[in-house]
Amino acid sequence: MATTTETNVDRVHVLAAGQIEVRAATVTTIDGVEQPAVFHRHVLQPGDDLAGEDDAVVAAAGTAWTAEVLADWQAFVASTDF
C-alpha cells in the first residue's frame, strides 16, 4: 500500500489592517487515490516572525507590511488590552 502526503500553501490573503491569512492544504494519496484535502489556517499579524513560512507568505508580507502598516498596527495594539 503506497501512501504519500503533501502539504502546500494554497491561499494567502492580506486583510485591510495588514494581517495575512494563510491556508495550507494537506493531500494524502493512498494507492493512487487522492483523499479529501485537510486544511489548516493561521493568521500572521504585521511584524510577526516569518521563519518557516512559505515563500508566497514571505513575499506577501514584504509587499503588505510597509513602515506605515507596521506603525499603524503597533498603535492599534498599544490602544487595546491584549
PDB file of N, CA and C in Angstrom:
ATOM      1  N   MET A   1       0.848  -1.168   0.000  1.00  0.00           N
ATOM      2  CA  MET A   1       0.000   0.000   0.000  1.00  0.00           C
ATOM      3  C   MET A   1       0.897   1.236   0.000  1.00  0.00           C
ATOM      4  N   ALA A   2       0.839   2.010  -1.077  1.00  0.00           N
ATOM      5  CA  ALA A   2       1.655   3.213  -1.198  1.00  0.00           C
ATOM      6  C   ALA A   2       0.859   4.430  -0.741  1.00  0.00           C
ATOM      7  N   THR A   3       1.439   5.153   0.193  1.00  0.00           N
ATOM      8  CA  THR A   3       0.787   6.352   0.723  1.00  0.00           C
ATOM      9  C   THR A   3       1.749   7.530   0.632  1.00  0.00           C
ATOM     10  N   THR A   4       1.260   8.648   0.114  1.00  0.00           N
ATOM     11  CA  THR A   4       2.047   9.884   0.091  1.00  0.00           C
ATOM     12  C   THR A   4       1.197  11.002   0.681  1.00  0.00           C
ATOM     13  N   THR A   5       1.866  11.930   1.310  1.00  0.00           N
ATOM     14  CA  THR A   5       1.196  13.094   1.878  1.00  0.00           C
ATOM     15  C   THR A   5       1.978  14.329   1.474  1.00  0.00           C
ATOM     16  N   GLU A   6       1.259  15.338   1.010  1.00  0.00           N
ATOM     17  CA  GLU A   6       1.888  16.585   0.574  1.00  0.00           C
ATOM     18  C   GLU A   6       1.099  17.767   1.138  1.00  0.00           C
ATOM     19  N   THR A   7       1.820  18.719   1.694  1.00  0.00           N
ATOM     20  CA  THR A   7       1.193  19.928   2.223  1.00  0.00           C
ATOM     21  C   THR A   7       1.719  21.134   1.463  1.00  0.00           C
ATOM     22  N   ASN A   8       0.797  21.964   0.980  1.00  0.00           N
ATOM     23  CA  ASN A   8       1.158  23.171   0.233  1.00  0.00           C
ATOM     24  C   ASN A   8       0.280  24.333   0.682  1.00  0.00           C
ATOM     25  N   VAL A   9       0.877  25.511   0.746  1.00  0.00           N
ATOM     26  CA  VAL A   9       0.094  26.719   0.980  1.00  0.00           C
ATOM     27  C   VAL A   9      -0.672  26.998  -0.304  1.00  0.00           C
ATOM     28  N   ASP A  10      -2.001  27.050  -0.203  1.00  0.00           N
ATOM     29  CA  ASP A  10      -2.789  27.257  -1.415  1.00  0.00           C
ATOM     30  C   ASP A  10      -3.555  28.570  -1.417  1.00  0.00           C
ATOM     31  N   ARG A  11      -3.576  29.277  -0.297  1.00  0.00           N
ATOM     32  CA  ARG A  11      -4.227  30.589  -0.263  1.00  0.00           C
ATOM     33  C   ARG A  11      -3.487  31.517   0.687  1.00  0.00           C
ATOM     34  N   VAL A  12      -3.281  32.748   0.230  1.00  0.00           N
ATOM     35  CA  VAL A  12      -2.674  33.789   1.051  1.00  0.00           C
ATOM     36  C   VAL A  12      -3.505  35.049   0.831  1.00  0.00           C
ATOM     37  N   HIS A  13      -4.136  35.544   1.898  1.00  0.00           N
ATOM     38  CA  HIS A  13      -4.957  36.750   1.809  1.00  0.00           C
ATOM     39  C   HIS A  13      -4.389  37.821   2.733  1.00  0.00           C
ATOM     40  N   VAL A  14      -4.278  39.032   2.222  1.00  0.00           N
ATOM     41  CA  VAL A  14      -3.855  40.156   3.044  1.00  0.00           C
ATOM     42  C   VAL A  14      -5.104  40.963   3.380  1.00  0.00           C
ATOM     43  N   LEU A  15      -5.343  41.172   4.668  1.00  0.00           N
ATOM     44  CA  LEU A  15      -6.505  41.926   5.124  1.00  0.00           C
ATOM     45  C   LEU A  15      -6.186  43.411   5.194  1.00  0.00           C
ATOM     46  N   ALA A  16      -7.220  44.208   5.366  1.00  0.00           N
ATOM     47  CA  ALA A  16      -7.085  45.670   5.322  1.00  0.00           C
ATOM     48  C   ALA A  16      -6.076  46.213   6.336  1.00  0.00           C
ATOM     49  N   ALA A  17      -6.016  45.626   7.514  1.00  0.00           N
ATOM     50  CA  ALA A  17      -5.101  46.122   8.547  1.00  0.00           C
ATOM     51  C   ALA A  17      -3.710  45.509   8.435  1.00  0.00           C
ATOM     52  N   GLY A  18      -3.499  44.671   7.414  1.00  0.00           N
ATOM     53  CA  GLY A  18      -2.174  44.102   7.188  1.00  0.00           C
ATOM     54  C   GLY A  18      -1.992  42.676   7.664  1.00  0.00           C
ATOM     55  N   GLN A  19      -2.993  42.113   8.362  1.00  0.00           N
ATOM     56  CA  GLN A  19      -2.859  40.716   8.762  1.00  0.00           C
ATOM     57  C   GLN A  19      -2.844  39.842   7.504  1.00  0.00           C
ATOM     58  N   ILE A  20      -2.178  38.710   7.628  1.00  0.00           N
ATOM     59  CA  ILE A  20      -2.096  37.777   6.500  1.00  0.00           C
ATOM     60  C   ILE A  20      -2.721  36.458   6.934  1.00  0.00           C
ATOM     61  N   GLU A  21      -3.763  36.049   6.201  1.00  0.00           N
ATOM     62  CA  GLU A  21      -4.394  34.760   6.436  1.00  0.00           C
ATOM     63  C   GLU A  21      -3.747  33.741   5.504  1.00  0.00           C
ATOM     64  N   VAL A  22      -3.347  32.615   6.074  1.00  0.00           N
ATOM     65  CA  VAL A  22      -2.657  31.576   5.307  1.00  0.00           C
ATOM     66  C   VAL A  22      -3.464  30.281   5.419  1.00  0.00           C
ATOM     67  N   ARG A  23      -3.706  29.638   4.279  1.00  0.00           N
ATOM     68  CA  ARG A  23      -4.353  28.330   4.293  1.00  0.00           C
ATOM     69  C   ARG A  23      -3.421  27.332   3.633  1.00  0.00           C
ATOM     70  N   ALA A  24      -3.202  26.215   4.314  1.00  0.00           N
ATOM     71  CA  ALA A  24      -2.396  25.127   3.773  1.00  0.00           C
ATOM     72  C   ALA A  24      -3.290  23.909   3.587  1.00  0.00           C
ATOM     73  N   ALA A  25      -3.123  23.239   2.460  1.00  0.00           N
ATOM     74  CA  ALA A  25      -3.881  22.027   2.163  1.00  0.00           C
ATOM     75  C   ALA A  25      -2.961  20.823   2.259  1.00  0.00           C
ATOM     76  N   THR A  26      -3.380  19.828   3.007  1.00  0.00           N
ATOM     77  CA  THR A  26      -2.649  18.574   3.097  1.00  0.00           C
ATOM     78  C   THR A  26      -3.442  17.521   2.341  1.00  0.00           C
ATOM     79  N   VAL A  27      -2.811  16.950   1.329  1.00  0.00           N
ATOM     80  CA  VAL A  27      -3.471  15.948   0.490  1.00  0.00           C
ATOM     81  C   VAL A  27      -2.721  14.630   0.652  1.00  0.00           C
ATOM     82  N   THR A  28      -3.476  13.594   0.963  1.00  0.00           N
ATOM     83  CA  THR A  28      -2.926  12.250   1.096  1.00  0.00           C
ATOM     84  C   THR A  28      -3.425  11.405  -0.074  1.00  0.00           C
ATOM     85  N   THR A  29      -2.507  10.677  -0.682  1.00  0.00           N
ATOM     86  CA  THR A  29      -2.856   9.761  -1.767  1.00  0.00           C
ATOM     87  C   THR A  29      -2.540   8.344  -1.307  1.00  0.00           C
ATOM     88  N   ILE A  30      -3.546   7.476  -1.399  1.00  0.00           N
ATOM     89  CA  ILE A  30      -3.387   6.075  -0.995  1.00  0.00           C
ATOM     90  C   ILE A  30      -3.627   5.208  -2.225  1.00  0.00           C
ATOM     91  N   ASP A  31      -2.589   4.478  -2.602  1.00  0.00           N
ATOM     92  CA  ASP A  31      -2.665   3.605  -3.788  1.00  0.00           C
ATOM     93  C   ASP A  31      -3.207   4.343  -5.009  1.00  0.00           C
ATOM     94  N   GLY A  32      -2.738   5.570  -5.211  1.00  0.00           N
ATOM     95  CA  GLY A  32      -3.119   6.348  -6.375  1.00  0.00           C
ATOM     96  C   GLY A  32      -4.453   7.057  -6.262  1.00  0.00           C
ATOM     97  N   VAL A  33      -5.150   6.901  -5.144  1.00  0.00           N
ATOM     98  CA  VAL A  33      -6.443   7.554  -4.954  1.00  0.00           C
ATOM     99  C   VAL A  33      -6.273   8.735  -3.994  1.00  0.00           C
ATOM    100  N   GLU A  34      -6.530   9.940  -4.518  1.00  0.00           N
ATOM    101  CA  GLU A  34      -6.381  11.152  -3.710  1.00  0.00           C
ATOM    102  C   GLU A  34      -7.541  11.263  -2.721  1.00  0.00           C
ATOM    103  N   GLN A  35      -7.185  11.431  -1.458  1.00  0.00           N
ATOM    104  CA  GLN A  35      -8.178  11.578  -0.400  1.00  0.00           C
ATOM    105  C   GLN A  35      -8.577  13.054  -0.288  1.00  0.00           C
ATOM    106  N   PRO A  36      -9.714  13.343   0.336  1.00  0.00           N
ATOM    107  CA  PRO A  36     -10.107  14.748   0.514  1.00  0.00           C
ATOM    108  C   PRO A  36      -9.023  15.521   1.279  1.00  0.00           C
ATOM    109  N   ALA A  37      -8.825  16.755   0.868  1.00  0.00           N
ATOM    110  CA  ALA A  37      -7.800  17.597   1.495  1.00  0.00           C
ATOM    111  C   ALA A  37      -8.209  17.955   2.921  1.00  0.00           C
ATOM    112  N   VAL A  38      -7.201  18.119   3.751  1.00  0.00           N
ATOM    113  CA  VAL A  38      -7.381  18.616   5.113  1.00  0.00           C
ATOM    114  C   VAL A  38      -6.731  19.992   5.145  1.00  0.00           C
ATOM    115  N   PHE A  39      -7.460  20.988   5.656  1.00  0.00           N
ATOM    116  CA  PHE A  39      -6.972  22.360   5.633  1.00  0.00           C
ATOM    117  C   PHE A  39      -6.565  22.829   7.013  1.00  0.00           C
ATOM    118  N   HIS A  40      -5.507  23.628   7.058  1.00  0.00           N
ATOM    119  CA  HIS A  40      -5.043  24.282   8.274  1.00  0.00           C
ATOM    120  C   HIS A  40      -4.914  25.764   7.954  1.00  0.00           C
ATOM    121  N   ARG A  41      -5.395  26.593   8.852  1.00  0.00           N
ATOM    122  CA  ARG A  41      -5.309  28.046   8.651  1.00  0.00           C
ATOM    123  C   ARG A  41      -4.613  28.685   9.844  1.00  0.00           C
ATOM    124  N   HIS A  42      -3.885  29.750   9.551  1.00  0.00           N
ATOM    125  CA  HIS A  42      -3.336  30.580  10.616  1.00  0.00           C
ATOM    126  C   HIS A  42      -3.244  32.015  10.122  1.00  0.00           C
ATOM    127  N   VAL A  43      -3.143  32.934  11.058  1.00  0.00           N
ATOM    128  CA  VAL A  43      -3.099  34.362  10.742  1.00  0.00           C
ATOM    129  C   VAL A  43      -1.820  34.948  11.313  1.00  0.00           C
ATOM    130  N   LEU A  44      -1.161  35.752  10.508  1.00  0.00           N
ATOM    131  CA  LEU A  44       0.039  36.462  10.937  1.00  0.00           C
ATOM    132  C   LEU A  44      -0.296  37.939  11.102  1.00  0.00           C
ATOM    133  N   GLN A  45       0.159  38.515  12.190  1.00  0.00           N
ATOM    134  CA  GLN A  45      -0.040  39.942  12.433  1.00  0.00           C
ATOM    135  C   GLN A  45       1.164  40.699  11.862  1.00  0.00           C
ATOM    136  N   PRO A  46       0.970  41.944  11.451  1.00  0.00           N
ATOM    137  CA  PRO A  46       2.102  42.720  10.920  1.00  0.00           C
ATOM    138  C   PRO A  46       3.289  42.700  11.887  1.00  0.00           C
ATOM    139  N   GLY A  47       4.435  42.331  11.369  1.00  0.00           N
ATOM    140  CA  GLY A  47       5.651  42.291  12.163  1.00  0.00           C
ATOM    141  C   GLY A  47       5.965  40.935  12.762  1.00  0.00           C
ATOM    142  N   ASP A  48       5.057  39.955  12.618  1.00  0.00           N
ATOM    143  CA  ASP A  48       5.328  38.616  13.149  1.00  0.00           C
ATOM    144  C   ASP A  48       6.560  38.007  12.484  1.00  0.00           C
ATOM    145  N   ASP A  49       7.173  37.065  13.180  1.00  0.00           N
ATOM    146  CA  ASP A  49       8.325  36.341  12.649  1.00  0.00           C
ATOM    147  C   ASP A  49       7.863  35.453  11.493  1.00  0.00           C
ATOM    148  N   LEU A  50       8.552  35.512  10.390  1.00  0.00           N
ATOM    149  CA  LEU A  50       8.191  34.755   9.194  1.00  0.00           C
ATOM    150  C   LEU A  50       9.039  33.497   8.995  1.00  0.00           C
ATOM    151  N   ALA A  51       9.846  33.163   9.990  1.00  0.00           N
ATOM    152  CA  ALA A  51      10.683  31.970   9.889  1.00  0.00           C
ATOM    153  C   ALA A  51       9.808  30.739   9.683  1.00  0.00           C
ATOM    154  N   GLY A  52      10.135  29.958   8.689  1.00  0.00           N
ATOM    155  CA  GLY A  52       9.408  28.736   8.406  1.00  0.00           C
ATOM    156  C   GLY A  52       8.171  28.919   7.545  1.00  0.00           C
ATOM    157  N   GLU A  53       7.849  30.153   7.202  1.00  0.00           N
ATOM    158  CA  GLU A  53       6.676  30.394   6.356  1.00  0.00           C
ATOM    159  C   GLU A  53       7.020  30.140   4.885  1.00  0.00           C
ATOM    160  N   ASP A  54       5.993  29.808   4.117  1.00  0.00           N
ATOM    161  CA  ASP A  54       6.124  29.576   2.688  1.00  0.00           C
ATOM    162  C   ASP A  54       6.616  30.845   1.980  1.00  0.00           C
ATOM    163  N   ASP A  55       7.298  30.672   0.869  1.00  0.00           N
ATOM    164  CA  ASP A  55       7.821  31.815   0.108  1.00  0.00           C
ATOM    165  C   ASP A  55       6.721  32.791  -0.301  1.00  0.00           C
ATOM    166  N   ALA A  56       5.535  32.282  -0.624  1.00  0.00           N
ATOM    167  CA  ALA A  56       4.420  33.159  -1.012  1.00  0.00           C
ATOM    168  C   ALA A  56       3.976  34.040   0.151  1.00  0.00           C
ATOM    169  N   VAL A  57       4.041  33.510   1.353  1.00  0.00           N
ATOM    170  CA  VAL A  57       3.667  34.282   2.545  1.00  0.00           C
ATOM    171  C   VAL A  57       4.709  35.369   2.802  1.00  0.00           C
ATOM    172  N   VAL A  58       5.973  35.014   2.688  1.00  0.00           N
ATOM    173  CA  VAL A  58       7.054  35.979   2.889  1.00  0.00           C
ATOM    174  C   VAL A  58       6.957  37.106   1.853  1.00  0.00           C
ATOM    175  N   ALA A  59       6.654  36.753   0.615  1.00  0.00           N
ATOM    176  CA  ALA A  59       6.507  37.760  -0.439  1.00  0.00           C
ATOM    177  C   ALA A  59       5.333  38.685  -0.153  1.00  0.00           C
ATOM    178  N   ALA A  60       4.215  38.124   0.301  1.00  0.00           N
ATOM    179  CA  ALA A  60       3.042  38.950   0.632  1.00  0.00           C
ATOM    180  C   ALA A  60       3.357  39.900   1.771  1.00  0.00           C
ATOM    181  N   ALA A  61       4.051  39.416   2.781  1.00  0.00           N
ATOM    182  CA  ALA A  61       4.423  40.272   3.911  1.00  0.00           C
ATOM    183  C   ALA A  61       5.377  41.369   3.463  1.00  0.00           C
ATOM    184  N   GLY A  62       6.311  41.035   2.594  1.00  0.00           N
ATOM    185  CA  GLY A  62       7.260  42.029   2.096  1.00  0.00           C
ATOM    186  C   GLY A  62       6.580  43.162   1.355  1.00  0.00           C
ATOM    187  N   THR A  63       5.477  42.862   0.701  1.00  0.00           N
ATOM    188  CA  THR A  63       4.719  43.880  -0.022  1.00  0.00           C
ATOM    189  C   THR A  63       3.759  44.622   0.897  1.00  0.00           C
ATOM    190  N   ALA A  64       3.058  43.875   1.745  1.00  0.00           N
ATOM    191  CA  ALA A  64       1.983  44.468   2.558  1.00  0.00           C
ATOM    192  C   ALA A  64       2.479  45.184   3.808  1.00  0.00           C
ATOM    193  N   TRP A  65       3.533  44.680   4.412  1.00  0.00           N
ATOM    194  CA  TRP A  65       3.971  45.231   5.686  1.00  0.00           C
ATOM    195  C   TRP A  65       4.923  46.408   5.493  1.00  0.00           C
ATOM    196  N   THR A  66       4.364  47.499   5.010  1.00  0.00           N
ATOM    197  CA  THR A  66       5.127  48.732   4.840  1.00  0.00           C
ATOM    198  C   THR A  66       5.381  49.350   6.211  1.00  0.00           C
ATOM    199  N   ALA A  67       6.242  50.337   6.262  1.00  0.00           N
ATOM    200  CA  ALA A  67       6.520  51.027   7.520  1.00  0.00           C
ATOM    201  C   ALA A  67       5.230  51.626   8.093  1.00  0.00           C
ATOM    202  N   GLU A  68       4.377  52.146   7.230  1.00  0.00           N
ATOM    203  CA  GLU A  68       3.106  52.730   7.689  1.00  0.00           C
ATOM    204  C   GLU A  68       2.186  51.671   8.288  1.00  0.00           C
ATOM    205  N   VAL A  69       2.070  50.531   7.634  1.00  0.00           N
ATOM    206  CA  VAL A  69       1.224  49.445   8.144  1.00  0.00           C
ATOM    207  C   VAL A  69       1.751  48.958   9.490  1.00  0.00           C
ATOM    208  N   LEU A  70       3.063  48.786   9.605  1.00  0.00           N
ATOM    209  CA  LEU A  70       3.650  48.339  10.870  1.00  0.00           C
ATOM    210  C   LEU A  70       3.409  49.353  11.985  1.00  0.00           C
ATOM    211  N   ALA A  71       3.559  50.634  11.686  1.00  0.00           N
ATOM    212  CA  ALA A  71       3.320  51.679  12.686  1.00  0.00           C
ATOM    213  C   ALA A  71       1.851  51.710  13.097  1.00  0.00           C
ATOM    214  N   ASP A  72       0.953  51.616  12.131  1.00  0.00           N
ATOM    215  CA  ASP A  72      -0.482  51.599  12.433  1.00  0.00           C
ATOM    216  C   ASP A  72      -0.844  50.389  13.292  1.00  0.00           C
ATOM    217  N   TRP A  73      -0.252  49.232  12.984  1.00  0.00           N
ATOM    218  CA  TRP A  73      -0.547  48.028  13.757  1.00  0.00           C
ATOM    219  C   TRP A  73      -0.039  48.172  15.191  1.00  0.00           C
ATOM    220  N   GLN A  74       1.176  48.705  15.348  1.00  0.00           N
ATOM    221  CA  GLN A  74       1.725  48.901  16.695  1.00  0.00           C
ATOM    222  C   GLN A  74       0.868  49.877  17.495  1.00  0.00           C
ATOM    223  N   ALA A  75       0.354  50.917  16.846  1.00  0.00           N
ATOM    224  CA  ALA A  75      -0.522  51.872  17.529  1.00  0.00           C
ATOM    225  C   ALA A  75      -1.840  51.201  17.935  1.00  0.00           C
ATOM    226  N   PHE A  76      -2.370  50.359  17.055  1.00  0.00           N
ATOM    227  CA  PHE A  76      -3.599  49.635  17.367  1.00  0.00           C
ATOM    228  C   PHE A  76      -3.397  48.724  18.572  1.00  0.00           C
ATOM    229  N   VAL A  77      -2.315  47.953  18.569  1.00  0.00           N
ATOM    230  CA  VAL A  77      -2.044  47.026  19.663  1.00  0.00           C
ATOM    231  C   VAL A  77      -1.862  47.797  20.972  1.00  0.00           C
ATOM    232  N   ALA A  78      -1.175  48.915  20.914  1.00  0.00           N
ATOM    233  CA  ALA A  78      -0.956  49.718  22.117  1.00  0.00           C
ATOM    234  C   ALA A  78      -2.256  50.290  22.674  1.00  0.00           C
ATOM    235  N   SER A  79      -3.243  50.473  21.818  1.00  0.00           N
ATOM    236  CA  SER A  79      -4.516  51.077  22.259  1.00  0.00           C
ATOM    237  C   SER A  79      -5.538  50.047  22.737  1.00  0.00           C
ATOM    238  N   THR A  80      -5.192  48.764  22.655  1.00  0.00           N
ATOM    239  CA  THR A  80      -6.127  47.709  23.083  1.00  0.00           C
ATOM    240  C   THR A  80      -5.559  46.939  24.260  1.00  0.00           C
ATOM    241  N   ASP A  81      -6.408  46.158  24.895  1.00  0.00           N
ATOM    242  CA  ASP A  81      -5.999  45.345  26.044  1.00  0.00           C
ATOM    243  C   ASP A  81      -5.781  43.896  25.636  1.00  0.00           C
ATOM    244  N   PHE A  82      -4.654  43.619  24.969  1.00  0.00           N
ATOM    245  CA  PHE A  82      -4.342  42.237  24.601  1.00  0.00           C
ATOM    246  C   PHE A  82      -3.735  41.518  25.747  1.00  0.00           C
TER     247      PHE A  82
END
